Amino acid sequence: MVFNHHMKKLSLLILILFSLRQVPAQELVLHKSSAGAFPIVAPGGATAIYVDSNDHWLVRQAAVFLQQDIQRVTGQLPELLHRMPSAASNLIIIGSPT
């Protein structure tokens, strides 16, 4: 019983130490075009967001929140689409599994 108690404390200490360790961050925001990069906002405007109007209300709300966040960060408001476009070079698709 005492051994088990000490193991729990040791495990908790190890978990805390690992969570405090600084992890090098990836560069996730690029300020110029790069091969393989997906532009959320580019010089031509923000990438449109598609969400099915029949999807769950919370999924639709997540699309609205993302749209608002992109505008707050970049100053550009992405178009929110409820019909899949026939063609698009880039498109953010939000939805739940069918």
Protein backbone atom coordinates (compact mmCIF):
# COMPACT_ATOMS: atom_id res chain seq x y z
CA MET A 1 0.00 0.00 0.00
CA VAL A 2 2.82 2.44 0.90
CA PHE A 3 4.74 1.46 -2.22
CA ASN A 4 1.67 2.16 -4.38
CA HIS A 5 1.25 5.60 -2.75
CA HIS A 6 4.89 6.51 -3.48
CA MET A 7 4.57 5.30 -7.08
CA LYS A 8 1.54 7.58 -7.58
CA LYS A 9 3.49 10.55 -6.20
CA LEU A 10 6.51 9.72 -8.38
CA SER A 11 4.34 9.36 -11.47
CA LEU A 12 2.68 12.70 -10.77
CA LEU A 13 6.07 14.38 -10.30
CA ILE A 14 7.36 12.95 -13.58
CA LEU A 15 4.21 14.11 -15.37
CA ILE A 16 4.61 17.64 -13.99
CA LEU A 17 8.28 17.80 -14.95
CA PHE A 18 7.56 16.68 -18.52
CA SER A 19 4.72 19.18 -18.87
CA LEU A 20 6.99 22.04 -17.72
CA ARG A 21 9.70 21.13 -20.20
CA GLN A 22 9.92 23.60 -23.06
CA VAL A 23 9.13 22.03 -26.40
CA PRO A 24 10.47 23.76 -29.52
CA ALA A 25 7.58 25.09 -31.58
CA GLN A 26 7.14 24.51 -35.27
CA GLU A 27 6.75 27.51 -37.52
CA LEU A 28 3.07 27.25 -38.30
CA VAL A 29 2.54 30.73 -39.75
CA LEU A 30 4.26 31.50 -43.00
CA HIS A 31 4.41 35.04 -44.31
CA LYS A 32 5.09 34.06 -47.92
CA SER A 33 4.02 31.30 -50.27
CA SER A 34 5.71 27.95 -49.74
CA ALA A 35 5.37 24.58 -51.47
CA GLY A 36 2.87 22.38 -49.65
CA ALA A 37 1.50 25.23 -47.53
CA PHE A 38 -2.26 25.70 -47.22
CA PRO A 39 -3.19 29.41 -47.33
CA ILE A 40 -5.90 30.38 -44.89
CA VAL A 41 -5.34 33.99 -45.96
CA ALA A 42 -3.40 35.04 -49.04
CA PRO A 43 -2.98 38.32 -50.91
CA GLY A 44 -6.13 37.50 -52.94
CA GLY A 45 -8.26 37.12 -49.81
CA ALA A 46 -9.26 34.58 -47.21
CA THR A 47 -9.97 30.95 -48.11
CA ALA A 48 -13.71 30.21 -48.03
CA ILE A 49 -15.20 27.92 -45.38
CA TYR A 50 -17.76 25.28 -46.36
CA VAL A 51 -20.19 23.71 -43.89
CA ASP A 52 -23.35 21.81 -44.82
CA SER A 53 -26.47 23.71 -43.71
CA ASN A 54 -27.99 20.37 -42.61
CA ASP A 55 -25.07 19.49 -40.32
CA HIS A 56 -25.41 19.62 -36.52
CA TRP A 57 -25.93 23.15 -35.18
CA LEU A 58 -22.71 22.96 -33.19
CA VAL A 59 -20.69 22.08 -36.31
CA ARG A 60 -22.24 25.07 -38.11
CA GLN A 61 -21.42 27.27 -35.12
CA ALA A 62 -17.80 26.05 -35.15
CA ALA A 63 -17.57 27.25 -38.77
CA VAL A 64 -18.88 30.69 -37.74
CA PHE A 65 -16.39 30.85 -34.86
CA LEU A 66 -13.52 29.96 -37.20
CA GLN A 67 -14.68 32.60 -39.67
CA GLN A 68 -14.75 35.23 -36.90
CA ASP A 69 -11.34 34.16 -35.54
CA ILE A 70 -9.75 34.47 -38.98
CA GLN A 71 -11.22 37.96 -39.35
CA ARG A 72 -10.00 39.01 -35.89
CA VAL A 73 -6.47 37.81 -36.60
CA THR A 74 -6.10 38.88 -40.24
CA GLY A 75 -8.73 41.55 -40.84
CA GLN A 76 -10.16 39.46 -43.70
CA LEU A 77 -13.54 37.75 -43.42
CA PRO A 78 -13.69 34.38 -45.19
CA GLU A 79 -16.86 33.62 -47.09
CA LEU A 80 -19.05 31.01 -45.35
CA LEU A 81 -20.49 28.61 -47.94
CA HIS A 82 -23.40 26.20 -47.48
CA ARG A 83 -23.19 24.77 -51.00
CA MET A 84 -20.09 23.01 -52.25
CA PRO A 85 -18.53 25.13 -55.00
CA SER A 86 -18.02 23.49 -58.40
CA ALA A 87 -14.38 24.62 -58.33
CA ALA A 88 -12.06 26.12 -55.73
CA SER A 89 -8.28 26.26 -55.52
CA ASN A 90 -8.50 26.10 -51.71
CA LEU A 91 -11.42 25.42 -49.39
CA ILE A 92 -11.75 24.83 -45.65
CA ILE A 93 -14.31 22.07 -45.10
CA ILE A 94 -15.93 21.65 -41.70
CA GLY A 95 -18.30 18.79 -41.01
CA SER A 96 -19.17 15.73 -39.03
CA PRO A 97 -18.90 12.14 -40.27
CA THR A 98 -21.99 10.85 -41.99
